[in-house]
Structure formats: C-alpha cells, structure tokens
PDB file of N, CA and C in Angstrom:
ATOM      1  N   MET A   1       8.025  45.855  44.694  1.00  0.00           N
ATOM      2  CA  MET A   1       7.387  44.591  44.462  1.00  0.00           C
ATOM      3  C   MET A   1       6.359  44.351  45.563  1.00  0.00           C
ATOM      4  N   SER A   2       5.305  43.613  45.223  1.00  0.00           N
ATOM      5  CA  SER A   2       4.272  43.401  46.113  1.00  0.00           C
ATOM      6  C   SER A   2       4.537  42.196  47.046  1.00  0.00           C
ATOM      7  N   GLU A   3       3.913  42.251  48.199  1.00  0.00           N
ATOM      8  CA  GLU A   3       4.067  41.100  49.090  1.00  0.00           C
ATOM      9  C   GLU A   3       3.200  39.968  48.670  1.00  0.00           C
ATOM     10  N   ARG A   4       3.750  38.764  48.757  1.00  0.00           N
ATOM     11  CA  ARG A   4       2.983  37.545  48.485  1.00  0.00           C
ATOM     12  C   ARG A   4       2.376  36.926  49.647  1.00  0.00           C
ATOM     13  N   ARG A   5       1.082  36.848  49.709  1.00  0.00           N
ATOM     14  CA  ARG A   5       0.412  36.266  50.811  1.00  0.00           C
ATOM     15  C   ARG A   5      -0.768  35.584  50.243  1.00  0.00           C
ATOM     16  N   SER A   6      -0.853  34.235  50.291  1.00  0.00           N
ATOM     17  CA  SER A   6      -1.975  33.495  49.689  1.00  0.00           C
ATOM     18  C   SER A   6      -2.923  33.038  50.774  1.00  0.00           C
ATOM     19  N   VAL A   7      -4.181  33.005  50.522  1.00  0.00           N
ATOM     20  CA  VAL A   7      -5.185  32.536  51.467  1.00  0.00           C
ATOM     21  C   VAL A   7      -6.167  31.635  50.671  1.00  0.00           C
ATOM     22  N   ALA A   8      -6.590  30.546  51.338  1.00  0.00           N
ATOM     23  CA  ALA A   8      -7.557  29.646  50.763  1.00  0.00           C
ATOM     24  C   ALA A   8      -8.889  30.319  50.830  1.00  0.00           C
ATOM     25  N   ASP A   9      -9.700  30.264  49.871  1.00  0.00           N
ATOM     26  CA  ASP A   9     -11.013  30.887  49.890  1.00  0.00           C
ATOM     27  C   ASP A   9     -12.176  29.872  49.861  1.00  0.00           C
ATOM     28  N   GLY A  10     -11.880  28.621  49.981  1.00  0.00           N
ATOM     29  CA  GLY A  10     -12.960  27.582  49.986  1.00  0.00           C
ATOM     30  C   GLY A  10     -13.312  27.139  48.575  1.00  0.00           C
ATOM     31  N   GLY A  11     -12.764  27.751  47.566  1.00  0.00           N
ATOM     32  CA  GLY A  11     -13.022  27.341  46.188  1.00  0.00           C
ATOM     33  C   GLY A  11     -11.770  26.659  45.651  1.00  0.00           C
ATOM     34  N   SER A  12     -11.651  26.467  44.414  1.00  0.00           N
ATOM     35  CA  SER A  12     -10.510  25.849  43.907  1.00  0.00           C
ATOM     36  C   SER A  12      -9.329  26.835  43.805  1.00  0.00           C
ATOM     37  N   GLY A  13      -8.182  26.479  44.089  1.00  0.00           N
ATOM     38  CA  GLY A  13      -7.036  27.382  43.966  1.00  0.00           C
ATOM     39  C   GLY A  13      -6.868  28.210  45.194  1.00  0.00           C
ATOM     40  N   MET A  14      -6.021  29.214  45.070  1.00  0.00           N
ATOM     41  CA  MET A  14      -5.755  30.206  46.157  1.00  0.00           C
ATOM     42  C   MET A  14      -5.885  31.547  45.664  1.00  0.00           C
ATOM     43  N   ARG A  15      -6.112  32.550  46.589  1.00  0.00           N
ATOM     44  CA  ARG A  15      -6.135  33.903  46.263  1.00  0.00           C
ATOM     45  C   ARG A  15      -4.896  34.633  46.812  1.00  0.00           C
ATOM     46  N   ALA A  16      -4.150  35.307  45.993  1.00  0.00           N
ATOM     47  CA  ALA A  16      -2.961  36.012  46.460  1.00  0.00           C
ATOM     48  C   ALA A  16      -3.230  37.528  46.464  1.00  0.00           C
ATOM     49  N   ALA A  17      -2.896  38.182  47.568  1.00  0.00           N
ATOM     50  CA  ALA A  17      -3.109  39.613  47.713  1.00  0.00           C
ATOM     51  C   ALA A  17      -2.137  40.375  46.979  1.00  0.00           C
ATOM     52  N   VAL A  18      -2.487  41.408  46.268  1.00  0.00           N
ATOM     53  CA  VAL A  18      -1.632  42.396  45.691  1.00  0.00           C
ATOM     54  C   VAL A  18      -1.619  43.540  46.643  1.00  0.00           C
ATOM     55  N   ARG A  19      -0.409  43.694  47.307  1.00  0.00           N
ATOM     56  CA  ARG A  19      -0.305  44.737  48.365  1.00  0.00           C
ATOM     57  C   ARG A  19       0.590  45.852  47.968  1.00  0.00           C
ATOM     58  N   ALA A  20       0.326  46.985  48.548  1.00  0.00           N
ATOM     59  CA  ALA A  20       1.170  48.220  48.314  1.00  0.00           C
ATOM     60  C   ALA A  20       2.337  48.154  49.296  1.00  0.00           C
ATOM     61  N   THR A  21       3.282  47.271  49.079  1.00  0.00           N
ATOM     62  CA  THR A  21       4.499  47.167  49.797  1.00  0.00           C
ATOM     63  C   THR A  21       5.709  46.841  48.909  1.00  0.00           C
ATOM     64  N   GLY A  22       6.893  47.074  49.360  1.00  0.00           N
ATOM     65  CA  GLY A  22       8.038  46.771  48.534  1.00  0.00           C
ATOM     66  C   GLY A  22       9.326  47.390  49.137  1.00  0.00           C
ATOM     67  N   ASN A  23      10.453  47.175  48.344  1.00  0.00           N
ATOM     68  CA  ASN A  23      11.673  47.822  48.742  1.00  0.00           C
ATOM     69  C   ASN A  23      11.666  49.316  48.769  1.00  0.00           C
ATOM     70  N   TRP A  24      10.871  49.922  48.031  1.00  0.00           N
ATOM     71  CA  TRP A  24      10.780  51.385  47.944  1.00  0.00           C
ATOM     72  C   TRP A  24      10.282  51.996  49.226  1.00  0.00           C
ATOM     73  N   GLU A  25       9.724  51.240  50.138  1.00  0.00           N
ATOM     74  CA  GLU A  25       9.140  51.861  51.345  1.00  0.00           C
ATOM     75  C   GLU A  25      10.120  52.560  52.198  1.00  0.00           C
ATOM     76  N   ALA A  26      11.430  52.072  52.219  1.00  0.00           N
ATOM     77  CA  ALA A  26      12.508  52.743  52.976  1.00  0.00           C
ATOM     78  C   ALA A  26      12.793  54.184  52.477  1.00  0.00           C
ATOM     79  N   ASP A  27      12.414  54.437  51.228  1.00  0.00           N
ATOM     80  CA  ASP A  27      12.741  55.707  50.570  1.00  0.00           C
ATOM     81  C   ASP A  27      11.612  56.819  50.797  1.00  0.00           C
ATOM     82  N   VAL A  28      10.530  56.447  51.447  1.00  0.00           N
ATOM     83  CA  VAL A  28       9.427  57.409  51.605  1.00  0.00           C
ATOM     84  C   VAL A  28       9.098  57.552  53.057  1.00  0.00           C
ATOM     85  N   ASP A  29       8.564  58.740  53.394  1.00  0.00           N
ATOM     86  CA  ASP A  29       8.109  58.995  54.738  1.00  0.00           C
ATOM     87  C   ASP A  29       6.649  58.888  54.908  1.00  0.00           C
ATOM     88  N   GLU A  30       5.889  59.032  53.798  1.00  0.00           N
ATOM     89  CA  GLU A  30       4.402  58.970  53.914  1.00  0.00           C
ATOM     90  C   GLU A  30       3.889  57.583  54.175  1.00  0.00           C
ATOM     91  N   THR A  31       2.681  57.524  54.662  1.00  0.00           N
ATOM     92  CA  THR A  31       2.020  56.241  54.960  1.00  0.00           C
ATOM     93  C   THR A  31       0.844  56.091  53.993  1.00  0.00           C
ATOM     94  N   GLU A  32       0.620  57.001  53.116  1.00  0.00           N
ATOM     95  CA  GLU A  32      -0.511  56.897  52.201  1.00  0.00           C
ATOM     96  C   GLU A  32      -0.063  57.130  50.762  1.00  0.00           C
ATOM     97  N   GLY A  33      -0.790  56.672  49.868  1.00  0.00           N
ATOM     98  CA  GLY A  33      -0.486  56.893  48.371  1.00  0.00           C
ATOM     99  C   GLY A  33      -1.756  56.946  47.577  1.00  0.00           C
ATOM    100  N   ILE A  34      -1.557  57.154  46.276  1.00  0.00           N
ATOM    101  CA  ILE A  34      -2.703  57.123  45.372  1.00  0.00           C
ATOM    102  C   ILE A  34      -2.499  56.130  44.264  1.00  0.00           C
ATOM    103  N   LEU A  35      -3.521  55.386  43.934  1.00  0.00           N
ATOM    104  CA  LEU A  35      -3.358  54.444  42.789  1.00  0.00           C
ATOM    105  C   LEU A  35      -3.587  55.234  41.490  1.00  0.00           C
ATOM    106  N   VAL A  36      -2.612  55.216  40.663  1.00  0.00           N
ATOM    107  CA  VAL A  36      -2.552  56.099  39.470  1.00  0.00           C
ATOM    108  C   VAL A  36      -3.314  55.397  38.392  1.00  0.00           C
ATOM    109  N   ASP A  37      -2.959  54.163  38.035  1.00  0.00           N
ATOM    110  CA  ASP A  37      -3.541  53.410  36.879  1.00  0.00           C
ATOM    111  C   ASP A  37      -3.422  51.917  37.093  1.00  0.00           C
ATOM    112  N   TRP A  38      -4.431  51.192  36.658  1.00  0.00           N
ATOM    113  CA  TRP A  38      -4.385  49.748  36.632  1.00  0.00           C
ATOM    114  C   TRP A  38      -4.015  49.461  35.180  1.00  0.00           C
ATOM    115  N   PHE A  39      -3.017  48.574  34.965  1.00  0.00           N
ATOM    116  CA  PHE A  39      -2.689  48.139  33.606  1.00  0.00           C
ATOM    117  C   PHE A  39      -3.303  46.803  33.286  1.00  0.00           C
ATOM    118  N   ALA A  40      -3.739  46.034  34.277  1.00  0.00           N
ATOM    119  CA  ALA A  40      -4.471  44.755  34.177  1.00  0.00           C
ATOM    120  C   ALA A  40      -5.965  45.040  34.530  1.00  0.00           C
ATOM    121  N   ARG A  41      -6.730  44.171  33.948  1.00  0.00           N
ATOM    122  CA  ARG A  41      -8.158  44.304  34.184  1.00  0.00           C
ATOM    123  C   ARG A  41      -8.698  43.029  34.783  1.00  0.00           C
ATOM    124  N   GLU A  42      -9.819  43.276  35.603  1.00  0.00           N
ATOM    125  CA  GLU A  42     -10.424  42.028  36.253  1.00  0.00           C
ATOM    126  C   GLU A  42     -10.819  40.997  35.265  1.00  0.00           C
ATOM    127  N   GLY A  43     -10.600  39.718  35.630  1.00  0.00           N
ATOM    128  CA  GLY A  43     -10.920  38.681  34.768  1.00  0.00           C
ATOM    129  C   GLY A  43      -9.794  38.321  33.812  1.00  0.00           C
ATOM    130  N   ARG A  44      -8.696  39.112  33.714  1.00  0.00           N
ATOM    131  CA  ARG A  44      -7.643  38.776  32.777  1.00  0.00           C
ATOM    132  C   ARG A  44      -6.530  38.002  33.472  1.00  0.00           C
ATOM    133  N   SER A  45      -5.875  37.131  32.657  1.00  0.00           N
ATOM    134  CA  SER A  45      -4.747  36.416  33.074  1.00  0.00           C
ATOM    135  C   SER A  45      -3.553  37.240  33.250  1.00  0.00           C
ATOM    136  N   VAL A  46      -2.756  36.975  34.317  1.00  0.00           N
ATOM    137  CA  VAL A  46      -1.420  37.673  34.521  1.00  0.00           C
ATOM    138  C   VAL A  46      -0.455  36.624  34.822  1.00  0.00           C
ATOM    139  N   GLN A  47       0.843  36.966  34.466  1.00  0.00           N
ATOM    140  CA  GLN A  47       1.954  36.130  34.807  1.00  0.00           C
ATOM    141  C   GLN A  47       2.727  36.689  36.031  1.00  0.00           C
ATOM    142  N   GLU A  48       3.354  35.902  36.783  1.00  0.00           N
ATOM    143  CA  GLU A  48       4.164  36.400  37.944  1.00  0.00           C
ATOM    144  C   GLU A  48       5.121  37.440  37.407  1.00  0.00           C
ATOM    145  N   GLY A  49       5.239  38.572  38.050  1.00  0.00           N
ATOM    146  CA  GLY A  49       6.138  39.642  37.660  1.00  0.00           C
ATOM    147  C   GLY A  49       5.550  40.658  36.733  1.00  0.00           C
ATOM    148  N   ASP A  50       4.349  40.383  36.165  1.00  0.00           N
ATOM    149  CA  ASP A  50       3.680  41.340  35.265  1.00  0.00           C
ATOM    150  C   ASP A  50       3.322  42.642  36.099  1.00  0.00           C
ATOM    151  N   THR A  51       3.454  43.758  35.443  1.00  0.00           N
ATOM    152  CA  THR A  51       3.088  44.990  35.962  1.00  0.00           C
ATOM    153  C   THR A  51       1.607  45.135  36.042  1.00  0.00           C
ATOM    154  N   LEU A  52       1.007  45.243  37.291  1.00  0.00           N
ATOM    155  CA  LEU A  52      -0.383  45.293  37.368  1.00  0.00           C
ATOM    156  C   LEU A  52      -0.959  46.687  37.468  1.00  0.00           C
ATOM    157  N   CYS A  53      -0.261  47.625  38.218  1.00  0.00           N
ATOM    158  CA  CYS A  53      -0.717  48.895  38.446  1.00  0.00           C
ATOM    159  C   CYS A  53       0.395  49.843  38.817  1.00  0.00           C
ATOM    160  N   GLU A  54       0.179  51.137  38.768  1.00  0.00           N
ATOM    161  CA  GLU A  54       1.157  52.137  39.217  1.00  0.00           C
ATOM    162  C   GLU A  54       0.560  52.922  40.380  1.00  0.00           C
ATOM    163  N   ILE A  55       1.434  53.115  41.362  1.00  0.00           N
ATOM    164  CA  ILE A  55       1.040  53.889  42.509  1.00  0.00           C
ATOM    165  C   ILE A  55       1.908  55.068  42.721  1.00  0.00           C
ATOM    166  N   GLN A  56       1.470  56.093  43.360  1.00  0.00           N
ATOM    167  CA  GLN A  56       2.318  57.297  43.617  1.00  0.00           C
ATOM    168  C   GLN A  56       2.342  57.470  45.152  1.00  0.00           C
ATOM    169  N   VAL A  57       3.504  57.537  45.692  1.00  0.00           N
ATOM    170  CA  VAL A  57       3.748  57.840  47.174  1.00  0.00           C
ATOM    171  C   VAL A  57       4.752  58.959  47.176  1.00  0.00           C
ATOM    172  N   GLU A  58       4.331  60.094  47.860  1.00  0.00           N
ATOM    173  CA  GLU A  58       5.164  61.277  47.856  1.00  0.00           C
ATOM    174  C   GLU A  58       5.433  61.588  46.303  1.00  0.00           C
ATOM    175  N   LYS A  59       6.632  61.759  45.961  1.00  0.00           N
ATOM    176  CA  LYS A  59       6.930  62.035  44.458  1.00  0.00           C
ATOM    177  C   LYS A  59       7.498  60.843  43.825  1.00  0.00           C
ATOM    178  N   VAL A  60       7.278  59.659  44.401  1.00  0.00           N
ATOM    179  CA  VAL A  60       7.771  58.435  43.848  1.00  0.00           C
ATOM    180  C   VAL A  60       6.653  57.670  43.125  1.00  0.00           C
ATOM    181  N   SER A  61       6.873  57.231  41.837  1.00  0.00           N
ATOM    182  CA  SER A  61       5.910  56.395  41.189  1.00  0.00           C
ATOM    183  C   SER A  61       6.500  55.005  41.211  1.00  0.00           C
ATOM    184  N   VAL A  62       5.630  54.044  41.575  1.00  0.00           N
ATOM    185  CA  VAL A  62       6.057  52.664  41.749  1.00  0.00           C
ATOM    186  C   VAL A  62       5.121  51.708  40.980  1.00  0.00           C
ATOM    187  N   ASP A  63       5.778  50.836  40.216  1.00  0.00           N
ATOM    188  CA  ASP A  63       4.959  49.760  39.572  1.00  0.00           C
ATOM    189  C   ASP A  63       4.775  48.591  40.577  1.00  0.00           C
ATOM    190  N   ILE A  64       3.553  48.137  40.659  1.00  0.00           N
ATOM    191  CA  ILE A  64       3.328  46.997  41.540  1.00  0.00           C
ATOM    192  C   ILE A  64       3.150  45.735  40.582  1.00  0.00           C
ATOM    193  N   GLN A  65       3.904  44.675  40.894  1.00  0.00           N
ATOM    194  CA  GLN A  65       3.897  43.546  40.043  1.00  0.00           C
ATOM    195  C   GLN A  65       3.084  42.370  40.669  1.00  0.00           C
ATOM    196  N   ALA A  66       2.710  41.454  39.754  1.00  0.00           N
ATOM    197  CA  ALA A  66       1.909  40.331  40.209  1.00  0.00           C
ATOM    198  C   ALA A  66       2.811  39.380  40.942  1.00  0.00           C
ATOM    199  N   PRO A  67       2.406  38.976  42.255  1.00  0.00           N
ATOM    200  CA  PRO A  67       3.206  38.077  43.030  1.00  0.00           C
ATOM    201  C   PRO A  67       3.113  36.641  42.583  1.00  0.00           C
ATOM    202  N   VAL A  68       2.079  36.278  41.829  1.00  0.00           N
ATOM    203  CA  VAL A  68       1.859  34.952  41.281  1.00  0.00           C
ATOM    204  C   VAL A  68       1.227  35.017  39.999  1.00  0.00           C
ATOM    205  N   ALA A  69       1.269  33.915  39.212  1.00  0.00           N
ATOM    206  CA  ALA A  69       0.458  33.848  37.924  1.00  0.00           C
ATOM    207  C   ALA A  69      -0.922  33.450  38.292  1.00  0.00           C
ATOM    208  N   GLY A  70      -1.903  33.925  37.481  1.00  0.00           N
ATOM    209  CA  GLY A  70      -3.281  33.538  37.729  1.00  0.00           C
ATOM    210  C   GLY A  70      -4.215  34.578  37.001  1.00  0.00           C
ATOM    211  N   THR A  71      -5.386  34.711  37.577  1.00  0.00           N
ATOM    212  CA  THR A  71      -6.370  35.645  37.065  1.00  0.00           C
ATOM    213  C   THR A  71      -6.615  36.793  38.024  1.00  0.00           C
ATOM    214  N   LEU A  72      -6.524  37.991  37.521  1.00  0.00           N
ATOM    215  CA  LEU A  72      -6.906  39.153  38.399  1.00  0.00           C
ATOM    216  C   LEU A  72      -8.363  39.060  38.736  1.00  0.00           C
ATOM    217  N   ASP A  73      -8.579  38.572  39.944  1.00  0.00           N
ATOM    218  CA  ASP A  73      -9.942  38.180  40.384  1.00  0.00           C
ATOM    219  C   ASP A  73     -10.706  39.436  40.858  1.00  0.00           C
ATOM    220  N   GLU A  74     -10.114  40.305  41.507  1.00  0.00           N
ATOM    221  CA  GLU A  74     -10.759  41.482  42.072  1.00  0.00           C
ATOM    222  C   GLU A  74      -9.881  42.703  42.234  1.00  0.00           C
ATOM    223  N   ILE A  75     -10.311  43.894  41.826  1.00  0.00           N
ATOM    224  CA  ILE A  75      -9.628  45.052  42.128  1.00  0.00           C
ATOM    225  C   ILE A  75     -10.303  45.721  43.309  1.00  0.00           C
ATOM    226  N   VAL A  76      -9.533  46.031  44.350  1.00  0.00           N
ATOM    227  CA  VAL A  76     -10.087  46.556  45.600  1.00  0.00           C
ATOM    228  C   VAL A  76     -10.011  48.047  45.617  1.00  0.00           C
ATOM    229  N   VAL A  77      -8.814  48.624  45.191  1.00  0.00           N
ATOM    230  CA  VAL A  77      -8.516  50.028  45.206  1.00  0.00           C
ATOM    231  C   VAL A  77      -8.592  50.457  43.770  1.00  0.00           C
ATOM    232  N   GLY A  78      -9.523  51.392  43.480  1.00  0.00           N
ATOM    233  CA  GLY A  78      -9.646  51.924  42.130  1.00  0.00           C
ATOM    234  C   GLY A  78      -8.667  53.033  41.758  1.00  0.00           C
ATOM    235  N   GLU A  79      -8.630  53.368  40.484  1.00  0.00           N
ATOM    236  CA  GLU A  79      -7.766  54.442  39.975  1.00  0.00           C
ATOM    237  C   GLU A  79      -8.174  55.766  40.674  1.00  0.00           C
ATOM    238  N   ASP A  80      -7.181  56.526  41.011  1.00  0.00           N
ATOM    239  CA  ASP A  80      -7.369  57.864  41.680  1.00  0.00           C
ATOM    240  C   ASP A  80      -7.743  57.645  43.150  1.00  0.00           C
ATOM    241  N   ASP A  81      -7.901  56.491  43.741  1.00  0.00           N
ATOM    242  CA  ASP A  81      -8.272  56.269  45.117  1.00  0.00           C
ATOM    243  C   ASP A  81      -6.983  56.312  45.953  1.00  0.00           C
ATOM    244  N   GLU A  82      -7.158  56.727  47.237  1.00  0.00           N
ATOM    245  CA  GLU A  82      -6.060  56.751  48.200  1.00  0.00           C
ATOM    246  C   GLU A  82      -6.046  55.374  48.890  1.00  0.00           C
ATOM    247  N   PHE A  83      -4.906  55.029  49.390  1.00  0.00           N
ATOM    248  CA  PHE A  83      -4.766  53.855  50.154  1.00  0.00           C
ATOM    249  C   PHE A  83      -3.644  54.031  51.176  1.00  0.00           C
ATOM    250  N   GLU A  84      -3.538  53.107  52.144  1.00  0.00           N
ATOM    251  CA  GLU A  84      -2.494  53.098  53.190  1.00  0.00           C
ATOM    252  C   GLU A  84      -1.437  52.139  52.695  1.00  0.00           C
ATOM    253  N   ILE A  85      -0.204  52.423  52.969  1.00  0.00           N
ATOM    254  CA  ILE A  85       0.916  51.540  52.579  1.00  0.00           C
ATOM    255  C   ILE A  85       0.604  50.155  53.308  1.00  0.00           C
ATOM    256  N   GLY A  86       0.693  49.072  52.558  1.00  0.00           N
ATOM    257  CA  GLY A  86       0.372  47.720  53.100  1.00  0.00           C
ATOM    258  C   GLY A  86      -1.054  47.302  52.801  1.00  0.00           C
ATOM    259  N   ASP A  87      -1.899  48.226  52.342  1.00  0.00           N
ATOM    260  CA  ASP A  87      -3.274  47.750  51.978  1.00  0.00           C
ATOM    261  C   ASP A  87      -3.283  46.782  50.846  1.00  0.00           C
ATOM    262  N   THR A  88      -4.302  46.039  50.776  1.00  0.00           N
ATOM    263  CA  THR A  88      -4.593  45.118  49.599  1.00  0.00           C
ATOM    264  C   THR A  88      -5.145  45.941  48.445  1.00  0.00           C
ATOM    265  N   LEU A  89      -4.540  45.993  47.310  1.00  0.00           N
ATOM    266  CA  LEU A  89      -4.947  46.704  46.150  1.00  0.00           C
ATOM    267  C   LEU A  89      -5.845  45.861  45.311  1.00  0.00           C
ATOM    268  N   GLY A  90      -5.603  44.522  45.307  1.00  0.00           N
ATOM    269  CA  GLY A  90      -6.389  43.561  44.458  1.00  0.00           C
ATOM    270  C   GLY A  90      -6.115  42.208  44.871  1.00  0.00           C
ATOM    271  N   TRP A  91      -6.763  41.219  44.198  1.00  0.00           N
ATOM    272  CA  TRP A  91      -6.590  39.800  44.444  1.00  0.00           C
ATOM    273  C   TRP A  91      -6.370  39.030  43.126  1.00  0.00           C
ATOM    274  N   ILE A  92      -5.407  38.159  43.179  1.00  0.00           N
ATOM    275  CA  ILE A  92      -5.183  37.228  42.045  1.00  0.00           C
ATOM    276  C   ILE A  92      -5.534  35.807  42.520  1.00  0.00           C
ATOM    277  N   ARG A  93      -6.303  35.141  41.630  1.00  0.00           N
ATOM    278  CA  ARG A  93      -6.661  33.753  41.918  1.00  0.00           C
ATOM    279  C   ARG A  93      -5.661  32.852  41.120  1.00  0.00           C
ATOM    280  N   SER A  94      -4.904  32.080  41.933  1.00  0.00           N
ATOM    281  CA  SER A  94      -3.902  31.147  41.249  1.00  0.00           C
ATOM    282  C   SER A  94      -4.525  29.770  41.366  1.00  0.00           C
ATOM    283  N   GLU A  95      -4.193  28.956  40.390  1.00  0.00           N
ATOM    284  CA  GLU A  95      -4.719  27.585  40.417  1.00  0.00           C
ATOM    285  C   GLU A  95      -3.585  26.539  40.635  1.00  0.00           C
TER     286      GLU A  95
END
C-alpha cells in the first residue's frame, strides 16, 4: 500500500503523493525497484484503493494503490524506469 502524504499546492484541493512504500518492504532487501506498468492514466479519476501501478522489487511484484480519491495528476516514474523505495511515483489531486 502506498504512503499517504498530502501537500497544498496553492490551487484548489490537495495533491497526494503515490509512493513506493508499504507492508511488503520488510520482505525485501533491495532499495531499488522497477515500475512495471501503470494501470491508470494521467487525467483519469481514481478511487481510494484503486490499483494504480505494478512495481517489481527483487522477485516480488507489488500493486500500488491510490491513497486518496481524485485525479491522477502526474506520473513521475514511467514504465520500465528504476526508482528508490520511498520515491514518489505519481501525484493525485484530491478535491
């Protein structure tokens, strides 16, 4: 599950970070992963708990879920890109 952290961006609503974190972290030794696939697209509405993307860390595939309902505002890490555990993968704008 992703960590929920909202920040005001000066506009209406809040932006919530979609982060590469969760309960699975205790099961892996690596600090890096690869973003396998985005299931949601920028500009699309998502509900809290929707699966947004799949990541691969070691031999573990993990689904990252939306921490809040809103619009997937920005994808930061693209498909097949590497990231560090804890990095922001994308942003959701909640109203």
